Amino acid sequence: MKIVGISGSIIGSKTKIAMTHTMNKIKDNYSDAEVSLLDLADYELPFSDGRNYLDYTGDAAHVLQTIMDADALIIGTPIFQASIPATLKNIFDLLPVNAFRDKVVSIVVTAGSAKHYLIAEQQIKPILAYMKAQVVQTYVFIEAEDFLNKEIINDDVFFRIERLVEDTVMLTDTFTRIREEKEASYDF
């Protein structure tokens, strides 16, 4: 099982901290999973111009192919001005409409205040549904007060991340098994 995390911003540290902890939790608990983290700050990505994702080269080709090859994705995003960052939206735009078909996708959100807790529901989940993802319904929402000195300090956040990881792996296993059984039932 290939699980790819996306740290969806090129600035700030909280999302990357949360995503690093999340991906390490997967590595610790599911040693058979192939885990990678795409920190968008590490890549030079062009703005989407409508090309097929296979026509991109360089960093864009690597990021897009890594996402397309994943069985599951965990998308981490900060909330800026009551919206997701343009860098994350650009990733969605670079990918084909059906990019998340047969993929389980879960969400980790970092925000400055509790006022932004519905951004995942109102902006991210509709995009994921449009792109045919199997979305883990609960997401992890982490406020600025849950961090101190670039570390997560809220034990409840650790518990929620662990539960998100369990749900993501369990749903990925379940959907994979269902797809394999369905494909095996065909006579050709």
Protein backbone atom coordinates (compact mmCIF):
# COMPACT_ATOMS: atom_id res chain seq x y z
CA MET A 1 0.00 0.00 0.00
CA LYS A 2 1.38 3.38 -1.06
CA ILE A 3 0.37 6.28 1.19
CA VAL A 4 1.38 9.79 0.16
CA GLY A 5 1.12 12.81 2.39
CA ILE A 6 0.91 16.30 0.96
CA SER A 7 1.97 19.33 2.96
CA GLY A 8 -0.02 21.84 0.95
CA SER A 9 1.73 25.14 1.52
CA ILE A 10 5.06 26.72 0.68
CA ILE A 11 5.15 28.86 3.84
CA GLY A 12 4.71 28.27 7.55
CA SER A 13 5.66 25.26 9.64
CA LYS A 14 2.54 23.97 11.40
CA THR A 15 1.16 21.93 8.51
CA LYS A 16 4.50 20.29 7.82
CA ILE A 17 4.91 19.48 11.53
CA ALA A 18 1.44 17.89 11.62
CA MET A 19 2.03 15.98 8.39
CA THR A 20 5.46 14.75 9.47
CA HIS A 21 3.93 13.41 12.70
CA THR A 22 1.08 11.80 10.73
CA MET A 23 3.40 10.08 8.26
CA ASN A 24 5.69 8.90 11.08
CA LYS A 25 2.64 7.39 12.81
CA ILE A 26 1.93 5.39 9.66
CA LYS A 27 5.55 4.22 9.46
CA ASP A 28 5.49 3.20 13.14
CA ASN A 29 2.18 1.30 12.98
CA TYR A 30 2.12 -0.05 9.42
CA SER A 31 5.61 -1.14 8.46
CA ASP A 32 4.37 -2.77 5.25
CA ALA A 33 3.10 0.58 3.92
CA GLU A 34 5.22 2.57 1.49
CA VAL A 35 5.07 6.10 2.90
CA SER A 36 6.21 9.39 1.41
CA LEU A 37 5.60 13.06 2.18
CA LEU A 38 5.42 15.68 -0.56
CA ASP A 39 6.16 19.06 1.01
CA LEU A 40 5.14 21.52 -1.69
CA ALA A 41 7.73 23.98 -0.35
CA ASP A 42 10.43 21.63 -1.70
CA TYR A 43 9.25 21.77 -5.32
CA GLU A 44 9.08 24.29 -8.15
CA LEU A 45 5.62 23.79 -9.62
CA PRO A 46 4.14 25.69 -12.56
CA PHE A 47 0.61 26.99 -12.53
CA SER A 48 -1.82 24.67 -14.23
CA ASP A 49 -2.28 25.45 -17.90
CA GLY A 50 -4.66 22.64 -18.80
CA ARG A 51 -2.08 20.17 -20.10
CA ASN A 52 -2.37 16.48 -19.40
CA TYR A 53 -0.49 15.72 -16.19
CA LEU A 54 1.79 13.34 -18.13
CA ASP A 55 3.08 16.25 -20.23
CA TYR A 56 4.71 18.02 -17.28
CA THR A 57 8.40 17.56 -16.57
CA GLY A 58 10.75 18.09 -13.64
CA ASP A 59 9.29 18.63 -10.17
CA ALA A 60 5.73 18.74 -11.51
CA ALA A 61 6.10 15.33 -13.16
CA HIS A 62 7.51 13.84 -9.95
CA VAL A 63 4.80 15.29 -7.68
CA LEU A 64 1.91 14.44 -10.00
CA GLN A 65 3.10 10.89 -10.71
CA THR A 66 3.68 10.26 -7.00
CA ILE A 67 0.10 11.32 -6.29
CA MET A 68 -1.30 9.25 -9.17
CA ASP A 69 0.61 6.15 -8.01
CA ALA A 70 -0.71 6.39 -4.43
CA ASP A 71 -3.36 4.11 -2.99
CA ALA A 72 -4.15 6.65 -0.28
CA LEU A 73 -3.45 10.33 0.26
CA ILE A 74 -3.40 12.42 3.39
CA ILE A 75 -3.71 16.06 2.47
CA GLY A 76 -2.43 18.59 4.96
CA THR A 77 -3.37 22.22 4.51
CA PRO A 78 -3.24 25.43 6.44
CA ILE A 79 -6.16 27.83 6.21
CA PHE A 80 -5.29 31.33 5.06
CA GLN A 81 -7.95 34.05 4.74
CA ALA A 82 -10.71 31.43 5.18
CA SER A 83 -9.44 29.38 2.24
CA ILE A 84 -6.92 26.76 1.17
CA PRO A 85 -3.57 27.99 -0.19
CA ALA A 86 -3.20 28.50 -3.93
CA THR A 87 -0.35 25.96 -3.97
CA LEU A 88 -2.71 23.19 -2.90
CA LYS A 89 -5.48 24.30 -5.26
CA ASN A 90 -2.90 24.32 -8.06
CA ILE A 91 -2.10 20.64 -7.34
CA PHE A 92 -5.79 19.81 -7.76
CA ASP A 93 -5.82 21.79 -11.03
CA LEU A 94 -2.71 20.03 -12.39
CA LEU A 95 -4.31 16.61 -11.91
CA PRO A 96 -6.99 15.01 -14.11
CA VAL A 97 -10.63 15.07 -13.01
CA ASN A 98 -10.58 11.37 -12.06
CA ALA A 99 -7.19 11.54 -10.32
CA PHE A 100 -8.52 10.28 -6.99
CA ARG A 101 -10.72 7.46 -8.32
CA ASP A 102 -10.03 4.31 -6.26
CA LYS A 103 -7.99 6.34 -3.75
CA VAL A 104 -8.79 6.98 -0.12
CA VAL A 105 -8.11 10.59 0.85
CA SER A 106 -8.02 12.04 4.34
CA ILE A 107 -7.43 15.58 5.57
CA VAL A 108 -5.35 17.34 8.22
CA VAL A 109 -6.09 21.06 8.66
CA THR A 110 -4.06 23.65 10.58
CA ALA A 111 -5.64 27.02 11.30
CA GLY A 112 -5.17 30.08 13.42
CA SER A 113 -8.59 29.86 14.98
CA ALA A 114 -11.60 27.59 15.39
CA LYS A 115 -13.54 29.89 13.05
CA HIS A 116 -12.02 28.03 10.10
CA TYR A 117 -13.12 24.51 11.00
CA LEU A 118 -15.67 24.29 8.19
CA ILE A 119 -13.23 25.07 5.37
CA ALA A 120 -12.53 21.35 4.96
CA GLU A 121 -16.26 20.68 4.62
CA GLN A 122 -17.03 23.60 2.32
CA GLN A 123 -13.94 23.73 0.11
CA ILE A 124 -11.75 20.63 0.30
CA LYS A 125 -14.31 17.81 0.47
CA PRO A 126 -16.29 19.05 -2.57
CA ILE A 127 -13.09 19.15 -4.64
CA LEU A 128 -12.14 15.64 -3.50
CA ALA A 129 -15.63 14.33 -4.27
CA TYR A 130 -15.52 15.92 -7.73
CA MET A 131 -12.18 14.19 -8.34
CA LYS A 132 -13.78 10.84 -7.33
CA ALA A 133 -11.97 10.30 -3.99
CA GLN A 134 -13.19 7.99 -1.26
CA VAL A 135 -12.99 10.61 1.48
CA VAL A 136 -12.41 9.73 5.13
CA GLN A 137 -15.32 11.62 6.66
CA THR A 138 -13.65 12.84 9.83
CA TYR A 139 -10.63 15.07 9.55
CA VAL A 140 -8.07 16.39 11.98
CA PHE A 141 -8.39 20.11 12.75
CA ILE A 142 -5.46 21.63 14.63
CA GLU A 143 -5.47 25.19 15.96
CA ALA A 144 -2.46 27.43 16.54
CA GLU A 145 -2.87 26.98 20.30
CA ASP A 146 -2.12 23.25 19.86
CA PHE A 147 1.48 24.11 18.95
CA LEU A 148 4.33 25.44 21.06
CA ASN A 149 7.94 25.89 19.93
CA LYS A 150 7.21 24.10 16.64
CA GLU A 151 5.80 21.01 18.38
CA ILE A 152 2.28 19.71 18.84
CA ILE A 153 1.45 19.94 22.54
CA ASN A 154 -2.17 18.79 22.65
CA ASP A 155 -2.56 15.08 23.45
CA ASP A 156 -6.01 15.08 21.85
CA VAL A 157 -4.42 16.06 18.52
CA PHE A 158 -2.13 13.02 18.76
CA PHE A 159 -5.16 10.80 19.41
CA ARG A 160 -7.09 12.28 16.47
CA ILE A 161 -4.11 11.83 14.14
CA GLU A 162 -3.74 8.22 15.23
CA ARG A 163 -7.44 7.61 14.56
CA LEU A 164 -7.20 9.29 11.15
CA VAL A 165 -4.26 7.05 10.25
CA GLU A 166 -6.19 3.93 11.35
CA ASP A 167 -9.28 4.98 9.37
CA THR A 168 -7.23 5.79 6.27
CA VAL A 169 -5.41 2.44 6.29
CA MET A 170 -8.57 0.45 7.11
CA LEU A 171 -10.58 2.10 4.33
CA THR A 172 -7.76 1.65 1.85
CA ASP A 173 -7.50 -2.05 2.72
CA THR A 174 -11.28 -2.46 2.49
CA PHE A 175 -11.68 -0.69 -0.85
CA THR A 176 -8.68 -2.56 -2.31
CA ARG A 177 -10.16 -5.89 -1.28
CA ILE A 178 -13.58 -5.00 -2.70
CA ARG A 179 -12.02 -3.90 -6.02
CA GLU A 180 -9.93 -7.08 -6.24
CA GLU A 181 -12.99 -9.28 -5.56
CA LYS A 182 -14.99 -7.42 -8.18
CA GLU A 183 -12.21 -7.71 -10.76
CA ALA A 184 -11.81 -11.44 -9.99
CA SER A 185 -15.50 -12.01 -10.69
CA TYR A 186 -15.09 -11.04 -14.36
CA ASP A 187 -14.68 -13.97 -16.74
CA PHE A 188 -11.99 -12.39 -18.91
